Amino acid sequence: MSGISVDDVTTAVENTVYTAVGLGILGFQHLQVQRRQLTRQIEATVRQVVDQVERSTAR
C-alpha cells in the first residue's frame, strides 16, 4: 500500500478548495477597489467638465 491515506487526500482537497475560495475573495475585493477608484476619477472629471461648462456659459 502507498503512503497516502484517504485522510491525506481529503485534507489536500480541502486546503485546495479553501485556497481557491480565498483567492477568489481577494480577487473580488481587488476589483471592488479598482471600481471605487475609477468611480472617483470619473466623478472628478465630470465635476471639472461641469465647472468649465458653467464658467463658459456664465460669460
N, C-alpha and C. Protein backbone atom coordinates (compact mmCIF):
# COMPACT_ATOMS: atom_id res chain seq x y z
N MET A 1 0.85 -1.19 0.00
CA MET A 1 0.00 0.00 0.00
C MET A 1 0.89 1.24 0.00
N SER A 2 0.43 2.28 -0.67
CA SER A 2 1.22 3.51 -0.74
C SER A 2 1.10 4.28 0.58
N GLY A 3 1.92 5.32 0.71
CA GLY A 3 1.95 6.09 1.94
C GLY A 3 0.91 7.18 2.01
N ILE A 4 -0.01 7.23 1.03
CA ILE A 4 -1.04 8.27 1.01
C ILE A 4 -2.35 7.68 1.50
N SER A 5 -2.92 8.31 2.53
CA SER A 5 -4.19 7.82 3.07
C SER A 5 -5.34 8.68 2.54
N VAL A 6 -6.54 8.18 2.75
CA VAL A 6 -7.74 8.91 2.34
C VAL A 6 -7.82 10.24 3.09
N ASP A 7 -7.41 10.25 4.34
CA ASP A 7 -7.42 11.48 5.12
C ASP A 7 -6.46 12.52 4.54
N ASP A 8 -5.30 12.04 4.06
CA ASP A 8 -4.34 12.96 3.43
C ASP A 8 -4.93 13.59 2.18
N VAL A 9 -5.60 12.78 1.37
CA VAL A 9 -6.21 13.28 0.14
C VAL A 9 -7.32 14.26 0.48
N THR A 10 -8.14 13.92 1.46
CA THR A 10 -9.24 14.79 1.88
C THR A 10 -8.70 16.13 2.37
N THR A 11 -7.67 16.09 3.17
CA THR A 11 -7.07 17.32 3.68
C THR A 11 -6.50 18.16 2.54
N ALA A 12 -5.83 17.52 1.60
CA ALA A 12 -5.26 18.25 0.47
C ALA A 12 -6.35 18.90 -0.38
N VAL A 13 -7.44 18.19 -0.61
CA VAL A 13 -8.55 18.75 -1.38
C VAL A 13 -9.19 19.91 -0.64
N GLU A 14 -9.41 19.75 0.66
CA GLU A 14 -9.98 20.84 1.46
C GLU A 14 -9.09 22.07 1.41
N ASN A 15 -7.80 21.89 1.58
CA ASN A 15 -6.87 23.02 1.54
C ASN A 15 -6.89 23.69 0.18
N THR A 16 -6.98 22.91 -0.88
CA THR A 16 -7.03 23.48 -2.23
C THR A 16 -8.30 24.29 -2.42
N VAL A 17 -9.42 23.78 -1.95
CA VAL A 17 -10.68 24.50 -2.07
C VAL A 17 -10.65 25.79 -1.26
N TYR A 18 -10.14 25.71 -0.03
CA TYR A 18 -10.04 26.92 0.81
C TYR A 18 -9.15 27.97 0.15
N THR A 19 -8.04 27.51 -0.43
CA THR A 19 -7.13 28.44 -1.11
C THR A 19 -7.81 29.07 -2.31
N ALA A 20 -8.52 28.27 -3.10
CA ALA A 20 -9.21 28.80 -4.28
C ALA A 20 -10.28 29.82 -3.88
N VAL A 21 -11.04 29.51 -2.85
CA VAL A 21 -12.08 30.44 -2.38
C VAL A 21 -11.43 31.73 -1.87
N GLY A 22 -10.35 31.59 -1.11
CA GLY A 22 -9.66 32.77 -0.58
C GLY A 22 -9.12 33.65 -1.70
N LEU A 23 -8.53 33.04 -2.70
CA LEU A 23 -8.03 33.81 -3.83
C LEU A 23 -9.16 34.48 -4.60
N GLY A 24 -10.28 33.78 -4.72
CA GLY A 24 -11.45 34.37 -5.38
C GLY A 24 -11.96 35.59 -4.63
N ILE A 25 -12.00 35.49 -3.32
CA ILE A 25 -12.45 36.62 -2.49
C ILE A 25 -11.49 37.79 -2.62
N LEU A 26 -10.19 37.52 -2.57
CA LEU A 26 -9.20 38.59 -2.73
C LEU A 26 -9.31 39.24 -4.10
N GLY A 27 -9.53 38.44 -5.13
CA GLY A 27 -9.70 38.99 -6.47
C GLY A 27 -10.93 39.87 -6.57
N PHE A 28 -12.02 39.43 -5.97
CA PHE A 28 -13.25 40.22 -5.98
C PHE A 28 -13.05 41.54 -5.24
N GLN A 29 -12.38 41.49 -4.09
CA GLN A 29 -12.13 42.71 -3.34
C GLN A 29 -11.23 43.66 -4.13
N HIS A 30 -10.26 43.12 -4.83
CA HIS A 30 -9.38 43.95 -5.66
C HIS A 30 -10.19 44.65 -6.75
N LEU A 31 -11.11 43.93 -7.37
CA LEU A 31 -11.96 44.54 -8.39
C LEU A 31 -12.83 45.64 -7.80
N GLN A 32 -13.32 45.44 -6.59
CA GLN A 32 -14.13 46.48 -5.93
C GLN A 32 -13.31 47.74 -5.70
N VAL A 33 -12.08 47.57 -5.27
CA VAL A 33 -11.21 48.73 -5.03
C VAL A 33 -10.96 49.47 -6.34
N GLN A 34 -10.69 48.72 -7.40
CA GLN A 34 -10.47 49.34 -8.70
C GLN A 34 -11.71 50.09 -9.17
N ARG A 35 -12.88 49.50 -8.94
CA ARG A 35 -14.13 50.14 -9.35
C ARG A 35 -14.33 51.45 -8.59
N ARG A 36 -14.05 51.43 -7.29
CA ARG A 36 -14.19 52.65 -6.49
C ARG A 36 -13.22 53.73 -6.96
N GLN A 37 -12.00 53.35 -7.27
CA GLN A 37 -11.01 54.32 -7.74
C GLN A 37 -11.44 54.91 -9.08
N LEU A 38 -11.92 54.07 -9.97
CA LEU A 38 -12.39 54.55 -11.27
C LEU A 38 -13.59 55.47 -11.11
N THR A 39 -14.49 55.12 -10.21
CA THR A 39 -15.66 55.97 -9.95
C THR A 39 -15.22 57.35 -9.47
N ARG A 40 -14.25 57.38 -8.54
CA ARG A 40 -13.76 58.67 -8.04
C ARG A 40 -13.12 59.48 -9.16
N GLN A 41 -12.35 58.84 -10.02
CA GLN A 41 -11.70 59.54 -11.13
C GLN A 41 -12.74 60.11 -12.09
N ILE A 42 -13.74 59.31 -12.40
CA ILE A 42 -14.79 59.76 -13.33
C ILE A 42 -15.57 60.91 -12.71
N GLU A 43 -15.91 60.80 -11.43
CA GLU A 43 -16.65 61.88 -10.76
C GLU A 43 -15.84 63.18 -10.77
N ALA A 44 -14.54 63.07 -10.53
CA ALA A 44 -13.69 64.27 -10.54
C ALA A 44 -13.67 64.88 -11.94
N THR A 45 -13.57 64.06 -12.95
CA THR A 45 -13.55 64.56 -14.33
C THR A 45 -14.88 65.22 -14.68
N VAL A 46 -15.97 64.61 -14.27
CA VAL A 46 -17.30 65.18 -14.53
C VAL A 46 -17.44 66.52 -13.84
N ARG A 47 -16.97 66.62 -12.59
CA ARG A 47 -17.03 67.90 -11.88
C ARG A 47 -16.24 68.97 -12.61
N GLN A 48 -15.07 68.62 -13.12
CA GLN A 48 -14.26 69.58 -13.87
C GLN A 48 -14.97 70.04 -15.13
N VAL A 49 -15.58 69.10 -15.84
CA VAL A 49 -16.29 69.45 -17.08
C VAL A 49 -17.48 70.35 -16.76
N VAL A 50 -18.22 70.01 -15.72
CA VAL A 50 -19.38 70.81 -15.33
C VAL A 50 -18.93 72.22 -14.96
N ASP A 51 -17.85 72.32 -14.21
CA ASP A 51 -17.33 73.64 -13.83
C ASP A 51 -16.94 74.44 -15.06
N GLN A 52 -16.27 73.82 -16.00
CA GLN A 52 -15.85 74.51 -17.22
C GLN A 52 -17.06 74.95 -18.04
N VAL A 53 -18.06 74.12 -18.13
CA VAL A 53 -19.28 74.46 -18.88
C VAL A 53 -19.99 75.62 -18.19
N GLU A 54 -20.10 75.57 -16.87
CA GLU A 54 -20.77 76.64 -16.15
C GLU A 54 -20.01 77.96 -16.32
N ARG A 55 -18.68 77.91 -16.26
CA ARG A 55 -17.89 79.13 -16.44
C ARG A 55 -18.03 79.68 -17.87
N SER A 56 -18.08 78.79 -18.85
CA SER A 56 -18.17 79.27 -20.22
C SER A 56 -19.57 79.80 -20.55
N THR A 57 -20.60 79.25 -19.93
CA THR A 57 -21.95 79.74 -20.18
C THR A 57 -22.25 81.00 -19.37
N ALA A 58 -21.49 81.25 -18.31
CA ALA A 58 -21.71 82.43 -17.49
C ALA A 58 -21.14 83.69 -18.15
N ARG A 59 -20.30 83.50 -19.11
CA ARG A 59 -19.64 84.65 -19.78
C ARG A 59 -20.58 85.34 -20.71
